[in-house]
Amino acid sequence: MPEASDIATAWRWLLELRSGTRGAMHESLPVIIEAAHAELRLRGLYPFPTHGTLHFLRSAPPWSGSDHDDVPFIVYGGPPYQVYAAGYAALLGEVATPAEAAALVVSHLPRG
């Protein structure tokens, strides 16, 4: 499945539920995408849904190294919605709404 070549396109494809977009057919993803997109700081990251999670990557593909995926992510399919530190290092919280999940990610974003 092709990945969007830039951050803005990745968000647009997910918001439009574009056919063939990673995660577009998962019924509980759209509310998470909308809530995450509403957060200005998350809009600057590459949205990457995979295996029931929405990750936020520091750059668009192609990816090299591991520093592009060091941001907290959301496990969708709730409520409740769980937010984990990168790599499932720690559960940062469990919240009732997609907006709360997105805000929790923002509150734990690394500096820079």
C-alpha atoms as a PDB file:
ATOM      1  CA  MET A   1       0.000   0.000   0.000  1.00  0.00           C
ATOM      2  CA  PRO A   2       1.516   3.338  -0.967  1.00  0.00           C
ATOM      3  CA  GLU A   3       2.297   5.841   1.762  1.00  0.00           C
ATOM      4  CA  ALA A   4       1.606   9.529   1.308  1.00  0.00           C
ATOM      5  CA  SER A   5       4.767  11.368   0.379  1.00  0.00           C
ATOM      6  CA  ASP A   6       4.293  14.247   2.812  1.00  0.00           C
ATOM      7  CA  ILE A   7       2.585  15.063   6.097  1.00  0.00           C
ATOM      8  CA  ALA A   8      -0.259  17.208   4.689  1.00  0.00           C
ATOM      9  CA  THR A   9      -1.179  14.557   2.126  1.00  0.00           C
ATOM     10  CA  ALA A  10      -1.161  11.806   4.752  1.00  0.00           C
ATOM     11  CA  TRP A  11      -3.629  13.759   6.897  1.00  0.00           C
ATOM     12  CA  ARG A  12      -5.824  14.592   3.899  1.00  0.00           C
ATOM     13  CA  TRP A  13      -5.988  10.967   2.758  1.00  0.00           C
ATOM     14  CA  LEU A  14      -6.950   9.794   6.239  1.00  0.00           C
ATOM     15  CA  LEU A  15      -9.554  12.520   6.726  1.00  0.00           C
ATOM     16  CA  GLU A  16     -11.063  11.675   3.331  1.00  0.00           C
ATOM     17  CA  LEU A  17     -10.942   7.916   4.060  1.00  0.00           C
ATOM     18  CA  ARG A  18      -9.232   7.560   0.705  1.00  0.00           C
ATOM     19  CA  SER A  19      -9.459   4.030  -0.600  1.00  0.00           C
ATOM     20  CA  GLY A  20      -6.193   2.153  -0.223  1.00  0.00           C
ATOM     21  CA  THR A  21      -4.960   4.378   2.601  1.00  0.00           C
ATOM     22  CA  ARG A  22      -3.496   2.502   5.549  1.00  0.00           C
ATOM     23  CA  GLY A  23      -6.204   2.074   8.182  1.00  0.00           C
ATOM     24  CA  ALA A  24      -8.930   3.777   6.136  1.00  0.00           C
ATOM     25  CA  MET A  25     -11.306   0.851   6.425  1.00  0.00           C
ATOM     26  CA  HIS A  26     -11.167   0.551  10.227  1.00  0.00           C
ATOM     27  CA  GLU A  27     -14.486   1.877  11.517  1.00  0.00           C
ATOM     28  CA  SER A  28     -13.150   3.375  14.743  1.00  0.00           C
ATOM     29  CA  LEU A  29     -10.228   5.256  13.175  1.00  0.00           C
ATOM     30  CA  PRO A  30     -12.054   8.330  11.738  1.00  0.00           C
ATOM     31  CA  VAL A  31     -12.974   9.807  15.139  1.00  0.00           C
ATOM     32  CA  ILE A  32      -9.378   9.443  16.308  1.00  0.00           C
ATOM     33  CA  ILE A  33      -8.056  11.024  13.103  1.00  0.00           C
ATOM     34  CA  GLU A  34     -10.430  13.985  13.447  1.00  0.00           C
ATOM     35  CA  ALA A  35      -9.497  14.553  17.096  1.00  0.00           C
ATOM     36  CA  ALA A  36      -5.776  14.273  16.386  1.00  0.00           C
ATOM     37  CA  HIS A  37      -6.015  16.590  13.383  1.00  0.00           C
ATOM     38  CA  ALA A  38      -7.703  19.202  15.583  1.00  0.00           C
ATOM     39  CA  GLU A  39      -4.489  19.402  17.638  1.00  0.00           C
ATOM     40  CA  LEU A  40      -2.142  21.835  15.892  1.00  0.00           C
ATOM     41  CA  ARG A  41       1.015  20.150  17.187  1.00  0.00           C
ATOM     42  CA  LEU A  42      -0.098  16.720  15.968  1.00  0.00           C
ATOM     43  CA  ARG A  43      -0.938  18.127  12.537  1.00  0.00           C
ATOM     44  CA  GLY A  44       2.780  18.718  12.060  1.00  0.00           C
ATOM     45  CA  LEU A  45       3.535  15.018  12.473  1.00  0.00           C
ATOM     46  CA  TYR A  46       3.012  12.193   9.985  1.00  0.00           C
ATOM     47  CA  PRO A  47      -0.096  10.160  10.978  1.00  0.00           C
ATOM     48  CA  PHE A  48       0.597   6.441  10.704  1.00  0.00           C
ATOM     49  CA  PRO A  49      -2.196   3.998  11.575  1.00  0.00           C
ATOM     50  CA  THR A  50      -1.040   0.428  12.076  1.00  0.00           C
ATOM     51  CA  HIS A  51      -2.290  -2.598  14.004  1.00  0.00           C
ATOM     52  CA  GLY A  52      -5.071  -0.731  15.836  1.00  0.00           C
ATOM     53  CA  THR A  53      -2.867   2.218  16.755  1.00  0.00           C
ATOM     54  CA  LEU A  54      -2.332   5.721  15.462  1.00  0.00           C
ATOM     55  CA  HIS A  55       1.330   6.683  15.571  1.00  0.00           C
ATOM     56  CA  PHE A  56       2.698  10.154  14.922  1.00  0.00           C
ATOM     57  CA  LEU A  57       6.017  10.121  13.089  1.00  0.00           C
ATOM     58  CA  ARG A  58       8.464  13.009  12.908  1.00  0.00           C
ATOM     59  CA  SER A  59       8.855  12.770   9.135  1.00  0.00           C
ATOM     60  CA  ALA A  60       7.306  11.428   5.956  1.00  0.00           C
ATOM     61  CA  PRO A  61       8.751   8.367   4.206  1.00  0.00           C
ATOM     62  CA  PRO A  62      11.240   7.106   3.417  1.00  0.00           C
ATOM     63  CA  TRP A  63      12.243   6.445   7.009  1.00  0.00           C
ATOM     64  CA  SER A  64      15.717   5.676   8.219  1.00  0.00           C
ATOM     65  CA  GLY A  65      16.840   4.973  11.743  1.00  0.00           C
ATOM     66  CA  SER A  66      14.491   4.853  14.703  1.00  0.00           C
ATOM     67  CA  ASP A  67      14.262   8.490  15.782  1.00  0.00           C
ATOM     68  CA  HIS A  68      11.224   9.180  13.589  1.00  0.00           C
ATOM     69  CA  ASP A  69       8.972   7.050  15.844  1.00  0.00           C
ATOM     70  CA  ASP A  70       9.653   8.358  19.356  1.00  0.00           C
ATOM     71  CA  VAL A  71       6.293  10.031  19.957  1.00  0.00           C
ATOM     72  CA  PRO A  72       3.391   8.723  22.078  1.00  0.00           C
ATOM     73  CA  PHE A  73       0.570   7.021  20.195  1.00  0.00           C
ATOM     74  CA  ILE A  74      -3.117   6.155  20.573  1.00  0.00           C
ATOM     75  CA  VAL A  75      -4.683   2.706  20.638  1.00  0.00           C
ATOM     76  CA  TYR A  76      -8.016   3.199  18.941  1.00  0.00           C
ATOM     77  CA  GLY A  77     -11.128   1.053  19.078  1.00  0.00           C
ATOM     78  CA  GLY A  78     -12.324   2.439  22.411  1.00  0.00           C
ATOM     79  CA  PRO A  79     -13.642   3.941  24.473  1.00  0.00           C
ATOM     80  CA  PRO A  80     -11.666   3.890  26.558  1.00  0.00           C
ATOM     81  CA  TYR A  81      -8.687   4.996  24.480  1.00  0.00           C
ATOM     82  CA  GLN A  82      -5.191   4.192  25.652  1.00  0.00           C
ATOM     83  CA  VAL A  83      -2.168   6.377  25.051  1.00  0.00           C
ATOM     84  CA  TYR A  84       1.280   4.821  25.255  1.00  0.00           C
ATOM     85  CA  ALA A  85       4.790   6.164  25.186  1.00  0.00           C
ATOM     86  CA  ALA A  86       6.745   5.173  22.078  1.00  0.00           C
ATOM     87  CA  GLY A  87       7.486   1.469  21.886  1.00  0.00           C
ATOM     88  CA  TYR A  88       4.837   0.677  24.529  1.00  0.00           C
ATOM     89  CA  ALA A  89       7.392   1.862  27.095  1.00  0.00           C
ATOM     90  CA  ALA A  90       4.614   2.992  29.461  1.00  0.00           C
ATOM     91  CA  LEU A  91       0.880   3.474  29.538  1.00  0.00           C
ATOM     92  CA  LEU A  92       0.476   7.248  29.766  1.00  0.00           C
ATOM     93  CA  GLY A  93      -3.240   7.095  30.389  1.00  0.00           C
ATOM     94  CA  GLU A  94      -6.632   5.776  29.504  1.00  0.00           C
ATOM     95  CA  VAL A  95      -9.285   8.322  28.541  1.00  0.00           C
ATOM     96  CA  ALA A  96     -12.929   8.387  27.527  1.00  0.00           C
ATOM     97  CA  THR A  97     -12.839  10.430  24.318  1.00  0.00           C
ATOM     98  CA  PRO A  98     -10.722  10.761  21.191  1.00  0.00           C
ATOM     99  CA  ALA A  99     -10.139  14.453  21.990  1.00  0.00           C
ATOM    100  CA  GLU A 100      -8.764  13.548  25.414  1.00  0.00           C
ATOM    101  CA  ALA A 101      -6.496  10.944  23.817  1.00  0.00           C
ATOM    102  CA  ALA A 102      -5.108  13.467  21.335  1.00  0.00           C
ATOM    103  CA  ALA A 103      -4.578  16.023  24.115  1.00  0.00           C
ATOM    104  CA  LEU A 104      -2.755  13.412  26.190  1.00  0.00           C
ATOM    105  CA  VAL A 105      -0.393  12.709  23.292  1.00  0.00           C
ATOM    106  CA  VAL A 106       0.281  16.439  22.930  1.00  0.00           C
ATOM    107  CA  SER A 107       0.995  16.790  26.653  1.00  0.00           C
ATOM    108  CA  HIS A 108       3.677  14.086  26.361  1.00  0.00           C
ATOM    109  CA  LEU A 109       5.339  15.178  23.125  1.00  0.00           C
ATOM    110  CA  PRO A 110       9.110  15.280  23.314  1.00  0.00           C
ATOM    111  CA  ARG A 111      10.713  18.698  23.027  1.00  0.00           C
ATOM    112  CA  GLY A 112      11.572  19.823  19.542  1.00  0.00           C
END
